[in-house]
Structures are given as structure tokens and as C-alpha cells.
PDB file of N, CA and C in Angstrom:
ATOM      1  N   MET A   1       1.128  -1.568   0.318  1.00  0.00           N
ATOM      2  CA  MET A   1      -0.262   0.078  -0.133  1.00  0.00           C
ATOM      3  C   MET A   1       0.894   1.189   0.421  1.00  0.00           C
ATOM      4  N   ASP A   2       0.593   2.396  -0.678  1.00  0.00           N
ATOM      5  CA  ASP A   2       1.266   3.745  -1.238  1.00  0.00           C
ATOM      6  C   ASP A   2       0.259   4.439   0.207  1.00  0.00           C
ATOM      7  N   ILE A   3       1.197   5.302   0.436  1.00  0.00           N
ATOM      8  CA  ILE A   3       0.397   7.247   0.224  1.00  0.00           C
ATOM      9  C   ILE A   3      -0.968   7.413  -0.084  1.00  0.00           C
ATOM     10  N   GLY A   4      -0.180   7.182  -1.503  1.00  0.00           N
ATOM     11  CA  GLY A   4      -2.126   8.066  -2.584  1.00  0.00           C
ATOM     12  C   GLY A   4      -3.800   6.417  -1.608  1.00  0.00           C
ATOM     13  N   MET A   5      -3.282   5.112  -1.700  1.00  0.00           N
ATOM     14  CA  MET A   5      -4.221   4.901  -1.526  1.00  0.00           C
ATOM     15  C   MET A   5      -4.037   5.034   0.383  1.00  0.00           C
ATOM     16  N   ILE A   6      -4.188   4.790   0.971  1.00  0.00           N
ATOM     17  CA  ILE A   6      -4.119   5.389   2.309  1.00  0.00           C
ATOM     18  C   ILE A   6      -4.688   6.703   2.967  1.00  0.00           C
ATOM     19  N   ARG A   7      -4.509   7.729   1.830  1.00  0.00           N
ATOM     20  CA  ARG A   7      -4.909   8.978   1.954  1.00  0.00           C
ATOM     21  C   ARG A   7      -6.199   8.581   1.552  1.00  0.00           C
ATOM     22  N   GLY A   8      -6.406   8.150   0.501  1.00  0.00           N
ATOM     23  CA  GLY A   8      -8.201   7.513   0.342  1.00  0.00           C
ATOM     24  C   GLY A   8      -8.739   6.980   0.508  1.00  0.00           C
ATOM     25  N   LEU A   9      -8.095   6.046   1.588  1.00  0.00           N
ATOM     26  CA  LEU A   9      -8.587   4.582   2.490  1.00  0.00           C
ATOM     27  C   LEU A   9      -9.848   5.995   3.369  1.00  0.00           C
ATOM     28  N   GLY A  10      -8.711   7.052   3.875  1.00  0.00           N
ATOM     29  CA  GLY A  10      -8.935   8.446   4.875  1.00  0.00           C
ATOM     30  C   GLY A  10      -9.337   9.259   4.634  1.00  0.00           C
ATOM     31  N   THR A  11     -10.168   9.187   3.302  1.00  0.00           N
ATOM     32  CA  THR A  11     -10.866  10.384   2.764  1.00  0.00           C
ATOM     33  C   THR A  11     -12.179   9.395   2.797  1.00  0.00           C
ATOM     34  N   VAL A  12     -11.972   8.046   2.465  1.00  0.00           N
ATOM     35  CA  VAL A  12     -13.924   7.742   3.120  1.00  0.00           C
ATOM     36  C   VAL A  12     -13.793   7.409   3.491  1.00  0.00           C
ATOM     37  N   VAL A  13     -13.775   6.842   4.592  1.00  0.00           N
ATOM     38  CA  VAL A  13     -13.317   7.211   6.345  1.00  0.00           C
ATOM     39  C   VAL A  13     -14.319   8.486   6.273  1.00  0.00           C
ATOM     40  N   VAL A  14     -14.051   9.452   6.722  1.00  0.00           N
ATOM     41  CA  VAL A  14     -14.426  10.574   6.811  1.00  0.00           C
ATOM     42  C   VAL A  14     -15.844  10.768   5.433  1.00  0.00           C
ATOM     43  N   LEU A  15     -15.196  10.322   4.877  1.00  0.00           N
ATOM     44  CA  LEU A  15     -17.239  10.715   4.456  1.00  0.00           C
ATOM     45  C   LEU A  15     -17.678   9.716   4.534  1.00  0.00           C
ATOM     46  N   VAL A  16     -17.499   8.232   4.984  1.00  0.00           N
ATOM     47  CA  VAL A  16     -18.482   7.958   5.172  1.00  0.00           C
ATOM     48  C   VAL A  16     -18.715   8.872   6.968  1.00  0.00           C
ATOM     49  N   ALA A  17     -18.160   9.007   7.653  1.00  0.00           N
ATOM     50  CA  ALA A  17     -18.165   9.281   9.096  1.00  0.00           C
ATOM     51  C   ALA A  17     -19.475  10.076   9.079  1.00  0.00           C
ATOM     52  N   PHE A  18     -19.569  10.999   8.430  1.00  0.00           N
ATOM     53  CA  PHE A  18     -19.696  13.001   7.508  1.00  0.00           C
ATOM     54  C   PHE A  18     -20.863  12.225   7.216  1.00  0.00           C
ATOM     55  N   VAL A  19     -21.468  11.579   6.830  1.00  0.00           N
ATOM     56  CA  VAL A  19     -22.818  11.425   5.781  1.00  0.00           C
ATOM     57  C   VAL A  19     -23.339  10.393   7.502  1.00  0.00           C
ATOM     58  N   GLY A  20     -23.277  10.322   7.674  1.00  0.00           N
ATOM     59  CA  GLY A  20     -23.534   9.132   9.118  1.00  0.00           C
ATOM     60  C   GLY A  20     -23.682  10.498  10.269  1.00  0.00           C
ATOM     61  N   LEU A  21     -23.314  11.440  10.191  1.00  0.00           N
ATOM     62  CA  LEU A  21     -23.357  12.541  11.497  1.00  0.00           C
ATOM     63  C   LEU A  21     -24.501  12.905  11.181  1.00  0.00           C
ATOM     64  N   ALA A  22     -24.584  13.230   9.934  1.00  0.00           N
ATOM     65  CA  ALA A  22     -25.811  13.885   9.584  1.00  0.00           C
ATOM     66  C   ALA A  22     -26.585  13.158   8.970  1.00  0.00           C
ATOM     67  N   LEU A  23     -27.529  12.204   8.817  1.00  0.00           N
ATOM     68  CA  LEU A  23     -27.966  11.143   8.831  1.00  0.00           C
ATOM     69  C   LEU A  23     -28.658  11.023   9.852  1.00  0.00           C
ATOM     70  N   TRP A  24     -28.085  11.738  11.291  1.00  0.00           N
ATOM     71  CA  TRP A  24     -28.116  11.187  12.671  1.00  0.00           C
ATOM     72  C   TRP A  24     -28.779  12.846  13.152  1.00  0.00           C
ATOM     73  N   VAL A  25     -28.779  13.394  12.502  1.00  0.00           N
ATOM     74  CA  VAL A  25     -28.441  15.285  13.044  1.00  0.00           C
ATOM     75  C   VAL A  25     -29.418  15.489  12.818  1.00  0.00           C
ATOM     76  N   PHE A  26     -29.980  14.874  11.503  1.00  0.00           N
ATOM     77  CA  PHE A  26     -30.408  15.262  10.125  1.00  0.00           C
ATOM     78  C   PHE A  26     -32.515  14.805  11.170  1.00  0.00           C
ATOM     79  N   SER A  27     -31.998  13.143  11.700  1.00  0.00           N
ATOM     80  CA  SER A  27     -32.777  11.558  11.365  1.00  0.00           C
ATOM     81  C   SER A  27     -34.961  13.103  12.324  1.00  0.00           C
ATOM     82  N   PRO A  28     -35.653  12.527  11.593  1.00  0.00           N
ATOM     83  CA  PRO A  28     -36.968  12.984  12.474  1.00  0.00           C
ATOM     84  C   PRO A  28     -37.315  12.589  13.901  1.00  0.00           C
ATOM     85  N   ARG A  29     -36.239  11.338  14.489  1.00  0.00           N
ATOM     86  CA  ARG A  29     -36.611  10.708  15.529  1.00  0.00           C
ATOM     87  C   ARG A  29     -36.212  11.353  16.468  1.00  0.00           C
ATOM     88  N   ARG A  30     -34.656  12.220  16.312  1.00  0.00           N
ATOM     89  CA  ARG A  30     -33.959  13.550  16.398  1.00  0.00           C
ATOM     90  C   ARG A  30     -34.685  14.474  17.907  1.00  0.00           C
ATOM     91  N   LYS A  31     -35.896  15.058  16.831  1.00  0.00           N
ATOM     92  CA  LYS A  31     -36.444  16.132  16.619  1.00  0.00           C
ATOM     93  C   LYS A  31     -36.454  16.978  18.014  1.00  0.00           C
ATOM     94  N   GLN A  32     -37.427  15.741  18.508  1.00  0.00           N
ATOM     95  CA  GLN A  32     -37.672  16.537  20.166  1.00  0.00           C
ATOM     96  C   GLN A  32     -36.791  16.425  20.656  1.00  0.00           C
ATOM     97  N   GLU A  33     -35.635  15.560  20.735  1.00  0.00           N
ATOM     98  CA  GLU A  33     -34.341  15.480  21.562  1.00  0.00           C
ATOM     99  C   GLU A  33     -33.215  17.005  21.494  1.00  0.00           C
ATOM    100  N   PHE A  34     -33.181  17.642  20.507  1.00  0.00           N
ATOM    101  CA  PHE A  34     -32.752  18.356  20.040  1.00  0.00           C
ATOM    102  C   PHE A  34     -33.479  19.624  20.336  1.00  0.00           C
ATOM    103  N   ASP A  35     -34.512  19.645  20.355  1.00  0.00           N
ATOM    104  CA  ASP A  35     -35.732  20.784  20.491  1.00  0.00           C
ATOM    105  C   ASP A  35     -35.660  21.376  22.108  1.00  0.00           C
ATOM    106  N   GLU A  36     -35.063  20.293  23.109  1.00  0.00           N
ATOM    107  CA  GLU A  36     -35.417  19.618  24.088  1.00  0.00           C
ATOM    108  C   GLU A  36     -33.817  21.117  24.109  1.00  0.00           C
ATOM    109  N   ALA A  37     -32.916  19.889  24.084  1.00  0.00           N
ATOM    110  CA  ALA A  37     -31.916  20.360  24.251  1.00  0.00           C
ATOM    111  C   ALA A  37     -31.190  22.177  23.570  1.00  0.00           C
ATOM    112  N   THR A  38     -31.746  22.457  23.547  1.00  0.00           N
ATOM    113  CA  THR A  38     -32.168  24.406  22.440  1.00  0.00           C
ATOM    114  C   THR A  38     -32.470  25.360  23.216  1.00  0.00           C
ATOM    115  N   GLN A  39     -33.580  24.325  24.225  1.00  0.00           N
ATOM    116  CA  GLN A  39     -34.354  25.575  25.445  1.00  0.00           C
ATOM    117  C   GLN A  39     -32.979  25.303  26.288  1.00  0.00           C
ATOM    118  N   LEU A  40     -32.281  24.166  26.582  1.00  0.00           N
ATOM    119  CA  LEU A  40     -31.435  24.359  28.324  1.00  0.00           C
ATOM    120  C   LEU A  40     -30.774  25.986  28.772  1.00  0.00           C
ATOM    121  N   PRO A  41     -30.882  26.322  27.717  1.00  0.00           N
ATOM    122  CA  PRO A  41     -30.351  27.881  28.549  1.00  0.00           C
ATOM    123  C   PRO A  41     -31.682  28.465  29.368  1.00  0.00           C
ATOM    124  N   PHE A  42     -32.703  28.775  28.760  1.00  0.00           N
ATOM    125  CA  PHE A  42     -33.852  29.246  29.712  1.00  0.00           C
ATOM    126  C   PHE A  42     -34.593  28.239  29.864  1.00  0.00           C
ATOM    127  N   ALA A  43     -33.665  27.246  30.816  1.00  0.00           N
ATOM    128  CA  ALA A  43     -34.616  26.821  31.755  1.00  0.00           C
ATOM    129  C   ALA A  43     -34.525  27.242  33.404  1.00  0.00           C
ATOM    130  N   ASP A  44     -33.640  27.828  33.877  1.00  0.00           N
ATOM    131  CA  ASP A  44     -33.587  28.671  34.738  1.00  0.00           C
ATOM    132  C   ASP A  44     -34.591  29.964  35.083  1.00  0.00           C
ATOM    133  N   ASP A  45     -35.200  30.857  34.246  1.00  0.00           N
ATOM    134  CA  ASP A  45     -35.744  31.569  34.029  1.00  0.00           C
ATOM    135  C   ASP A  45     -37.247  31.115  33.382  1.00  0.00           C
ATOM    136  N   PRO A  46     -37.705  31.569  34.994  1.00  0.00           N
ATOM    137  CA  PRO A  46     -39.492  31.125  34.733  1.00  0.00           C
ATOM    138  C   PRO A  46     -39.937  32.109  33.438  1.00  0.00           C
ATOM    139  N   GLU A  47     -39.972  33.543  32.883  1.00  0.00           N
ATOM    140  CA  GLU A  47     -40.141  34.467  32.423  1.00  0.00           C
ATOM    141  C   GLU A  47     -39.806  33.303  30.438  1.00  0.00           C
ATOM    142  N   ALA A  48     -38.598  33.118  30.246  1.00  0.00           N
ATOM    143  CA  ALA A  48     -38.887  32.577  28.773  1.00  0.00           C
ATOM    144  C   ALA A  48     -39.463  31.814  29.241  1.00  0.00           C
ATOM    145  N   THR A  49     -39.397  30.169  29.321  1.00  0.00           N
ATOM    146  CA  THR A  49     -40.201  29.397  29.697  1.00  0.00           C
ATOM    147  C   THR A  49     -41.851  29.395  29.766  1.00  0.00           C
ATOM    148  N   ARG A  50     -42.041  30.585  30.826  1.00  0.00           N
ATOM    149  CA  ARG A  50     -43.417  31.381  29.814  1.00  0.00           C
ATOM    150  C   ARG A  50     -43.929  31.059  28.926  1.00  0.00           C
ATOM    151  N   HIS A  51     -43.040  32.362  28.382  1.00  0.00           N
ATOM    152  CA  HIS A  51     -42.581  32.586  26.792  1.00  0.00           C
ATOM    153  C   HIS A  51     -43.167  31.431  25.473  1.00  0.00           C
ATOM    154  N   VAL A  52     -42.086  30.253  25.600  1.00  0.00           N
ATOM    155  CA  VAL A  52     -41.876  29.867  25.232  1.00  0.00           C
ATOM    156  C   VAL A  52     -43.142  28.511  24.395  1.00  0.00           C
ATOM    157  N   GLU A  53     -43.574  28.495  26.124  1.00  0.00           N
ATOM    158  CA  GLU A  53     -44.767  27.221  26.013  1.00  0.00           C
ATOM    159  C   GLU A  53     -45.635  28.375  25.768  1.00  0.00           C
ATOM    160  N   GLN A  54     -46.189  29.806  25.666  1.00  0.00           N
ATOM    161  CA  GLN A  54     -47.107  30.575  25.352  1.00  0.00           C
ATOM    162  C   GLN A  54     -47.178  30.177  22.885  1.00  0.00           C
ATOM    163  N   ALA A  55     -46.206  30.704  22.955  1.00  0.00           N
ATOM    164  CA  ALA A  55     -45.415  29.938  21.151  1.00  0.00           C
ATOM    165  C   ALA A  55     -45.930  28.475  21.243  1.00  0.00           C
ATOM    166  N   LYS A  56     -45.490  27.500  21.803  1.00  0.00           N
ATOM    167  CA  LYS A  56     -45.530  26.400  21.707  1.00  0.00           C
ATOM    168  C   LYS A  56     -47.171  26.104  20.888  1.00  0.00           C
ATOM    169  N   ALA A  57     -48.410  26.858  21.790  1.00  0.00           N
ATOM    170  CA  ALA A  57     -49.312  27.252  22.056  1.00  0.00           C
ATOM    171  C   ALA A  57     -51.041  27.706  20.681  1.00  0.00           C
ATOM    172  N   SER A  58     -49.965  28.801  20.703  1.00  0.00           N
ATOM    173  CA  SER A  58     -50.047  29.074  19.126  1.00  0.00           C
ATOM    174  C   SER A  58     -49.912  28.824  18.461  1.00  0.00           C
ATOM    175  N   ARG A  59     -49.017  28.007  18.020  1.00  0.00           N
ATOM    176  CA  ARG A  59     -47.864  27.302  16.667  1.00  0.00           C
ATOM    177  C   ARG A  59     -49.268  25.940  16.755  1.00  0.00           C
ATOM    178  N   SER A  60     -49.608  24.995  18.034  1.00  0.00           N
ATOM    179  CA  SER A  60     -50.566  24.172  17.747  1.00  0.00           C
ATOM    180  C   SER A  60     -51.678  24.999  17.171  1.00  0.00           C
ATOM    181  N   LYS A  61     -52.555  26.447  17.392  1.00  0.00           N
ATOM    182  CA  LYS A  61     -54.389  26.544  17.813  1.00  0.00           C
ATOM    183  C   LYS A  61     -53.916  27.177  15.433  1.00  0.00           C
ATOM    184  N   GLN A  62     -52.539  27.317  15.563  1.00  0.00           N
ATOM    185  CA  GLN A  62     -52.494  27.450  14.071  1.00  0.00           C
ATOM    186  C   GLN A  62     -53.354  26.026  13.076  1.00  0.00           C
ATOM    187  N   GLN A  63     -52.463  25.655  13.372  1.00  0.00           N
ATOM    188  CA  GLN A  63     -52.362  24.424  12.397  1.00  0.00           C
ATOM    189  C   GLN A  63     -53.275  23.804  13.159  1.00  0.00           C
TER     190      GLN A  63
END
């Protein structure tokens, strides 16, 4: 095996890892988990929590 083959295999490994990570991140099964994680900075602020709950309620009424 020469250096070109090793670099090619490294590129394939990185590409497969990237595609796998992209599929994991954009999977619909993970949406709720990621939505909850986006709210973690506001978990200690009751006003922000109330605002988020109102926004969810208004979105559910519109649909």
C-alpha cells in the first residue's frame, strides 16, 4: 500500500462518518430531543419558559 491508497481510504472513512453524522442529526426521531436541548439555556428563567409555552400553544392553534 502506498501513501495514495492510505489517503484515499482515509477520505472514504471521513466521508462515511460525515454522512452518518448528518443522517443522525437530521433524523426526524431526534427532533424532540434537539428541541429540548435548544431550550436548556432558558431552563432557569420562568419568564422565558412561559414565553416558549405560549409560542407552542399558538403554533398548535394555527395548525
